[in-house]
């Protein structure tokens, strides 16, 4: 892999490398270290690897369904206790919940795994064709559009083209105060 990176840098295939010798300098520094690659034995099948990576690449930090309630005590949400294989409810203060949630937001300049490789939006069609040829697979037939069903929900009050769907109702935590009208 190191020699392939050096060859790619020498041929100018790495478009983001701006300084000559930058790749050699970084690789030389990395190769001074003794690397020990550890993999778990359970990751020996492709399906297991896809399941493992899928948990991190295609999901959000917490779904709406897991949040039970939000009140002055904090945020109540469900989680799975893997020791007992049971679903439990955890309560965190609002500040702690937001702190933990923000740990899942990537810093500027970093991308999620799903934006790289042969599934990256920029080159997906070309790379998938290459993968299919390498695996001797035929291209799947083009999907035919199914007849559209009448959309349920309410028309969008702004554009009148889209449809609004009720996914949850938010109850008011405090009843509205009644207004007292005084006349002189």
C-alpha atoms as a PDB file:
ATOM      1  CA  UNK A   1       0.000   0.000   0.000  1.00  0.00           C
ATOM      2  CA  UNK A   2       2.847   2.366   0.858  1.00  0.00           C
ATOM      3  CA  UNK A   3       4.559   1.735  -2.464  1.00  0.00           C
ATOM      4  CA  UNK A   4       1.258   2.255  -4.310  1.00  0.00           C
ATOM      5  CA  UNK A   5       0.824   5.618  -2.551  1.00  0.00           C
ATOM      6  CA  UNK A   6       4.361   6.651  -3.469  1.00  0.00           C
ATOM      7  CA  UNK A   7       3.786   5.676  -7.120  1.00  0.00           C
ATOM      8  CA  UNK A   8       0.482   7.561  -7.216  1.00  0.00           C
ATOM      9  CA  UNK A   9       2.134  10.666  -5.776  1.00  0.00           C
ATOM     10  CA  UNK A  10       5.009  10.428  -8.282  1.00  0.00           C
ATOM     11  CA  UNK A  11       2.607  10.118 -11.219  1.00  0.00           C
ATOM     12  CA  UNK A  12       0.498  13.074 -10.013  1.00  0.00           C
ATOM     13  CA  UNK A  13      -2.632  10.974  -9.382  1.00  0.00           C
ATOM     14  CA  UNK A  14      -3.139  12.467  -5.913  1.00  0.00           C
ATOM     15  CA  UNK A  15      -4.798  15.771  -6.767  1.00  0.00           C
ATOM     16  CA  UNK A  16      -4.968  17.110  -3.202  1.00  0.00           C
ATOM     17  CA  UNK A  17      -1.221  16.848  -2.598  1.00  0.00           C
ATOM     18  CA  UNK A  18       0.112  20.349  -3.154  1.00  0.00           C
ATOM     19  CA  UNK A  19       3.780  20.144  -2.110  1.00  0.00           C
ATOM     20  CA  UNK A  20       6.320  17.858  -3.810  1.00  0.00           C
ATOM     21  CA  UNK A  21       7.736  15.313  -1.372  1.00  0.00           C
ATOM     22  CA  UNK A  22       4.840  15.737   1.061  1.00  0.00           C
ATOM     23  CA  UNK A  23       3.669  12.143   0.631  1.00  0.00           C
ATOM     24  CA  UNK A  24       7.197  10.763   1.102  1.00  0.00           C
ATOM     25  CA  UNK A  25       7.704  12.853   4.248  1.00  0.00           C
ATOM     26  CA  UNK A  26       4.431  11.678   5.829  1.00  0.00           C
ATOM     27  CA  UNK A  27       4.933   8.027   4.838  1.00  0.00           C
ATOM     28  CA  UNK A  28       8.531   8.030   6.128  1.00  0.00           C
ATOM     29  CA  UNK A  29       7.299   9.347   9.496  1.00  0.00           C
ATOM     30  CA  UNK A  30       4.552   6.724   9.644  1.00  0.00           C
ATOM     31  CA  UNK A  31       6.832   3.864   8.673  1.00  0.00           C
ATOM     32  CA  UNK A  32       9.237   4.636  11.561  1.00  0.00           C
ATOM     33  CA  UNK A  33       6.562   3.316  13.913  1.00  0.00           C
ATOM     34  CA  UNK A  34       6.022  -0.388  14.427  1.00  0.00           C
ATOM     35  CA  UNK A  35       2.396  -1.067  13.488  1.00  0.00           C
ATOM     36  CA  UNK A  36       0.378  -3.934  14.898  1.00  0.00           C
ATOM     37  CA  UNK A  37      -2.930  -4.483  13.116  1.00  0.00           C
ATOM     38  CA  UNK A  38      -5.555  -6.170  15.284  1.00  0.00           C
ATOM     39  CA  UNK A  39      -8.810  -7.554  13.947  1.00  0.00           C
ATOM     40  CA  UNK A  40     -11.429  -9.473  15.810  1.00  0.00           C
ATOM     41  CA  UNK A  41     -12.009 -13.056  14.775  1.00  0.00           C
ATOM     42  CA  UNK A  42     -15.747 -12.424  14.324  1.00  0.00           C
ATOM     43  CA  UNK A  43     -15.076 -10.072  11.392  1.00  0.00           C
ATOM     44  CA  UNK A  44     -14.056 -12.871   9.047  1.00  0.00           C
ATOM     45  CA  UNK A  45     -17.248 -12.823   6.956  1.00  0.00           C
ATOM     46  CA  UNK A  46     -18.334 -10.022   4.656  1.00  0.00           C
ATOM     47  CA  UNK A  47     -21.838  -9.794   6.090  1.00  0.00           C
ATOM     48  CA  UNK A  48     -20.455  -9.280   9.601  1.00  0.00           C
ATOM     49  CA  UNK A  49     -18.202  -6.456   8.404  1.00  0.00           C
ATOM     50  CA  UNK A  50     -21.070  -4.742   6.589  1.00  0.00           C
ATOM     51  CA  UNK A  51     -23.291  -5.001   9.676  1.00  0.00           C
ATOM     52  CA  UNK A  52     -20.504  -3.625  11.877  1.00  0.00           C
ATOM     53  CA  UNK A  53     -19.737  -0.653   9.632  1.00  0.00           C
ATOM     54  CA  UNK A  54     -23.428  -0.021   8.939  1.00  0.00           C
ATOM     55  CA  UNK A  55     -24.031   0.810  12.580  1.00  0.00           C
ATOM     56  CA  UNK A  56     -21.596   3.708  12.273  1.00  0.00           C
ATOM     57  CA  UNK A  57     -22.037   4.957   8.737  1.00  0.00           C
ATOM     58  CA  UNK A  58     -25.764   5.049   8.025  1.00  0.00           C
ATOM     59  CA  UNK A  59     -27.402   5.900  11.299  1.00  0.00           C
ATOM     60  CA  UNK A  60     -27.855   9.044  13.291  1.00  0.00           C
ATOM     61  CA  UNK A  61     -26.755   9.447  16.895  1.00  0.00           C
ATOM     62  CA  UNK A  62     -30.256   8.900  18.333  1.00  0.00           C
ATOM     63  CA  UNK A  63     -33.634   8.443  16.683  1.00  0.00           C
ATOM     64  CA  UNK A  64     -36.855  10.194  17.636  1.00  0.00           C
ATOM     65  CA  UNK A  65     -38.411   6.892  18.665  1.00  0.00           C
ATOM     66  CA  UNK A  66     -35.799   6.401  21.407  1.00  0.00           C
ATOM     67  CA  UNK A  67     -36.537   9.704  23.136  1.00  0.00           C
ATOM     68  CA  UNK A  68     -39.274   8.936  25.656  1.00  0.00           C
ATOM     69  CA  UNK A  69     -39.819  12.388  27.133  1.00  0.00           C
ATOM     70  CA  UNK A  70     -38.153  15.689  27.906  1.00  0.00           C
ATOM     71  CA  UNK A  71     -38.973  17.446  31.152  1.00  0.00           C
ATOM     72  CA  UNK A  72     -37.323  19.488  33.903  1.00  0.00           C
ATOM     73  CA  UNK A  73     -35.547  16.338  35.172  1.00  0.00           C
ATOM     74  CA  UNK A  74     -33.798  15.906  31.839  1.00  0.00           C
ATOM     75  CA  UNK A  75     -34.031  13.816  28.701  1.00  0.00           C
ATOM     76  CA  UNK A  76     -35.433  10.288  29.075  1.00  0.00           C
ATOM     77  CA  UNK A  77     -34.402   7.878  26.304  1.00  0.00           C
ATOM     78  CA  UNK A  78     -34.155   4.154  25.751  1.00  0.00           C
ATOM     79  CA  UNK A  79     -30.964   2.164  25.275  1.00  0.00           C
ATOM     80  CA  UNK A  80     -30.082  -1.507  25.052  1.00  0.00           C
ATOM     81  CA  UNK A  81     -28.143  -3.078  27.920  1.00  0.00           C
ATOM     82  CA  UNK A  82     -26.059  -5.678  26.104  1.00  0.00           C
ATOM     83  CA  UNK A  83     -25.218  -7.557  29.308  1.00  0.00           C
ATOM     84  CA  UNK A  84     -28.864  -8.403  29.977  1.00  0.00           C
ATOM     85  CA  UNK A  85     -30.174  -7.911  26.396  1.00  0.00           C
ATOM     86  CA  UNK A  86     -32.936  -5.652  27.777  1.00  0.00           C
ATOM     87  CA  UNK A  87     -34.132  -2.197  26.788  1.00  0.00           C
ATOM     88  CA  UNK A  88     -33.796   0.328  29.599  1.00  0.00           C
ATOM     89  CA  UNK A  89     -34.510   4.028  30.094  1.00  0.00           C
ATOM     90  CA  UNK A  90     -31.701   6.444  30.902  1.00  0.00           C
ATOM     91  CA  UNK A  91     -32.214   9.978  32.205  1.00  0.00           C
ATOM     92  CA  UNK A  92     -29.587  12.635  31.485  1.00  0.00           C
ATOM     93  CA  UNK A  93     -29.625  16.337  32.202  1.00  0.00           C
ATOM     94  CA  UNK A  94     -30.223  18.458  29.130  1.00  0.00           C
ATOM     95  CA  UNK A  95     -26.623  19.695  29.138  1.00  0.00           C
ATOM     96  CA  UNK A  96     -25.172  16.173  29.359  1.00  0.00           C
ATOM     97  CA  UNK A  97     -27.505  14.887  26.642  1.00  0.00           C
ATOM     98  CA  UNK A  98     -26.467  17.686  24.267  1.00  0.00           C
ATOM     99  CA  UNK A  99     -22.784  17.145  25.133  1.00  0.00           C
ATOM    100  CA  UNK A 100     -23.009  13.437  24.284  1.00  0.00           C
ATOM    101  CA  UNK A 101     -25.004  14.144  21.129  1.00  0.00           C
ATOM    102  CA  UNK A 102     -22.441  16.687  19.902  1.00  0.00           C
ATOM    103  CA  UNK A 103     -19.687  14.073  20.213  1.00  0.00           C
ATOM    104  CA  UNK A 104     -21.255  12.370  17.182  1.00  0.00           C
ATOM    105  CA  UNK A 105     -20.922  15.448  14.966  1.00  0.00           C
ATOM    106  CA  UNK A 106     -17.798  15.321  12.845  1.00  0.00           C
ATOM    107  CA  UNK A 107     -15.418  18.282  12.812  1.00  0.00           C
ATOM    108  CA  UNK A 108     -15.347  20.464   9.699  1.00  0.00           C
ATOM    109  CA  UNK A 109     -13.322  18.842   6.944  1.00  0.00           C
ATOM    110  CA  UNK A 110     -13.997  15.226   7.942  1.00  0.00           C
ATOM    111  CA  UNK A 111     -16.478  13.055   6.083  1.00  0.00           C
ATOM    112  CA  UNK A 112     -18.367   9.961   7.051  1.00  0.00           C
ATOM    113  CA  UNK A 113     -17.187   6.640   5.699  1.00  0.00           C
ATOM    114  CA  UNK A 114     -20.169   6.378   3.378  1.00  0.00           C
ATOM    115  CA  UNK A 115     -18.896   9.362   1.355  1.00  0.00           C
ATOM    116  CA  UNK A 116     -15.700   7.541   0.337  1.00  0.00           C
ATOM    117  CA  UNK A 117     -14.870   4.560  -1.837  1.00  0.00           C
ATOM    118  CA  UNK A 118     -16.949   3.067  -4.588  1.00  0.00           C
ATOM    119  CA  UNK A 119     -20.216   4.390  -3.109  1.00  0.00           C
ATOM    120  CA  UNK A 120     -19.144   8.049  -3.072  1.00  0.00           C
ATOM    121  CA  UNK A 121     -21.685  10.216  -4.924  1.00  0.00           C
ATOM    122  CA  UNK A 122     -19.027  11.705  -7.172  1.00  0.00           C
ATOM    123  CA  UNK A 123     -17.955   8.420  -8.774  1.00  0.00           C
ATOM    124  CA  UNK A 124     -20.592   5.869  -7.772  1.00  0.00           C
ATOM    125  CA  UNK A 125     -21.865   4.991 -11.252  1.00  0.00           C
ATOM    126  CA  UNK A 126     -18.371   4.547 -12.731  1.00  0.00           C
ATOM    127  CA  UNK A 127     -16.966   2.612  -9.754  1.00  0.00           C
ATOM    128  CA  UNK A 128     -19.975   0.302  -9.468  1.00  0.00           C
ATOM    129  CA  UNK A 129     -19.530  -0.630 -13.125  1.00  0.00           C
ATOM    130  CA  UNK A 130     -15.870  -1.450 -12.397  1.00  0.00           C
ATOM    131  CA  UNK A 131     -16.838  -3.544  -9.361  1.00  0.00           C
ATOM    132  CA  UNK A 132     -19.465  -5.434 -11.392  1.00  0.00           C
ATOM    133  CA  UNK A 133     -16.933  -6.166 -14.148  1.00  0.00           C
ATOM    134  CA  UNK A 134     -14.377  -7.387 -11.594  1.00  0.00           C
ATOM    135  CA  UNK A 135     -17.008  -9.685 -10.053  1.00  0.00           C
ATOM    136  CA  UNK A 136     -18.353 -10.730 -13.475  1.00  0.00           C
ATOM    137  CA  UNK A 137     -21.810  -9.512 -12.559  1.00  0.00           C
ATOM    138  CA  UNK A 138     -24.410  -8.298 -15.004  1.00  0.00           C
ATOM    139  CA  UNK A 139     -25.788  -4.811 -14.575  1.00  0.00           C
ATOM    140  CA  UNK A 140     -29.229  -4.970 -12.912  1.00  0.00           C
ATOM    141  CA  UNK A 141     -32.162  -4.000 -15.119  1.00  0.00           C
ATOM    142  CA  UNK A 142     -33.310  -0.420 -14.868  1.00  0.00           C
ATOM    143  CA  UNK A 143     -36.099   0.050 -12.380  1.00  0.00           C
ATOM    144  CA  UNK A 144     -39.454   0.824 -13.915  1.00  0.00           C
ATOM    145  CA  UNK A 145     -41.493   3.493 -12.250  1.00  0.00           C
ATOM    146  CA  UNK A 146     -44.441   2.065 -10.369  1.00  0.00           C
ATOM    147  CA  UNK A 147     -47.759   3.875 -10.707  1.00  0.00           C
ATOM    148  CA  UNK A 148     -47.953   6.590  -8.092  1.00  0.00           C
ATOM    149  CA  UNK A 149     -50.491   6.251  -5.354  1.00  0.00           C
ATOM    150  CA  UNK A 150     -52.426   9.238  -4.142  1.00  0.00           C
ATOM    151  CA  UNK A 151     -50.312  10.764  -1.382  1.00  0.00           C
ATOM    152  CA  UNK A 152     -51.815  10.882   2.056  1.00  0.00           C
ATOM    153  CA  UNK A 153     -51.372  13.805   4.390  1.00  0.00           C
ATOM    154  CA  UNK A 154     -52.095  17.497   4.095  1.00  0.00           C
ATOM    155  CA  UNK A 155     -50.960  19.798   1.275  1.00  0.00           C
ATOM    156  CA  UNK A 156     -47.992  21.988   2.169  1.00  0.00           C
ATOM    157  CA  UNK A 157     -49.302  25.436   3.150  1.00  0.00           C
ATOM    158  CA  UNK A 158     -46.339  27.103   1.460  1.00  0.00           C
ATOM    159  CA  UNK A 159     -45.825  25.429  -1.932  1.00  0.00           C
ATOM    160  CA  UNK A 160     -49.077  23.405  -2.221  1.00  0.00           C
ATOM    161  CA  UNK A 161     -47.113  20.676  -4.062  1.00  0.00           C
ATOM    162  CA  UNK A 162     -45.634  18.643  -1.211  1.00  0.00           C
ATOM    163  CA  UNK A 163     -47.516  16.716   1.432  1.00  0.00           C
ATOM    164  CA  UNK A 164     -47.278  17.114   5.192  1.00  0.00           C
ATOM    165  CA  UNK A 165     -47.485  13.986   7.322  1.00  0.00           C
ATOM    166  CA  UNK A 166     -48.073  13.927  11.061  1.00  0.00           C
ATOM    167  CA  UNK A 167     -45.310  11.845  12.636  1.00  0.00           C
ATOM    168  CA  UNK A 168     -45.836  12.852  16.261  1.00  0.00           C
ATOM    169  CA  UNK A 169     -47.888  15.168  18.390  1.00  0.00           C
ATOM    170  CA  UNK A 170     -46.144  17.342  20.934  1.00  0.00           C
ATOM    171  CA  UNK A 171     -48.221  17.863  24.021  1.00  0.00           C
ATOM    172  CA  UNK A 172     -47.917  21.115  25.916  1.00  0.00           C
ATOM    173  CA  UNK A 173     -46.088  20.643  29.224  1.00  0.00           C
ATOM    174  CA  UNK A 174     -47.946  23.548  30.868  1.00  0.00           C
ATOM    175  CA  UNK A 175     -51.560  24.431  30.118  1.00  0.00           C
ATOM    176  CA  UNK A 176     -52.091  27.808  28.494  1.00  0.00           C
ATOM    177  CA  UNK A 177     -53.097  30.471  31.010  1.00  0.00           C
ATOM    178  CA  UNK A 178     -56.585  31.832  30.601  1.00  0.00           C
ATOM    179  CA  UNK A 179     -56.790  35.495  29.787  1.00  0.00           C
ATOM    180  CA  UNK A 180     -58.918  37.676  31.946  1.00  0.00           C
ATOM    181  CA  UNK A 181     -60.471  40.590  30.084  1.00  0.00           C
ATOM    182  CA  UNK A 182     -61.338  43.625  32.169  1.00  0.00           C
ATOM    183  CA  UNK A 183     -63.557  46.361  30.918  1.00  0.00           C
ATOM    184  CA  UNK A 184     -63.688  49.784  32.451  1.00  0.00           C
END
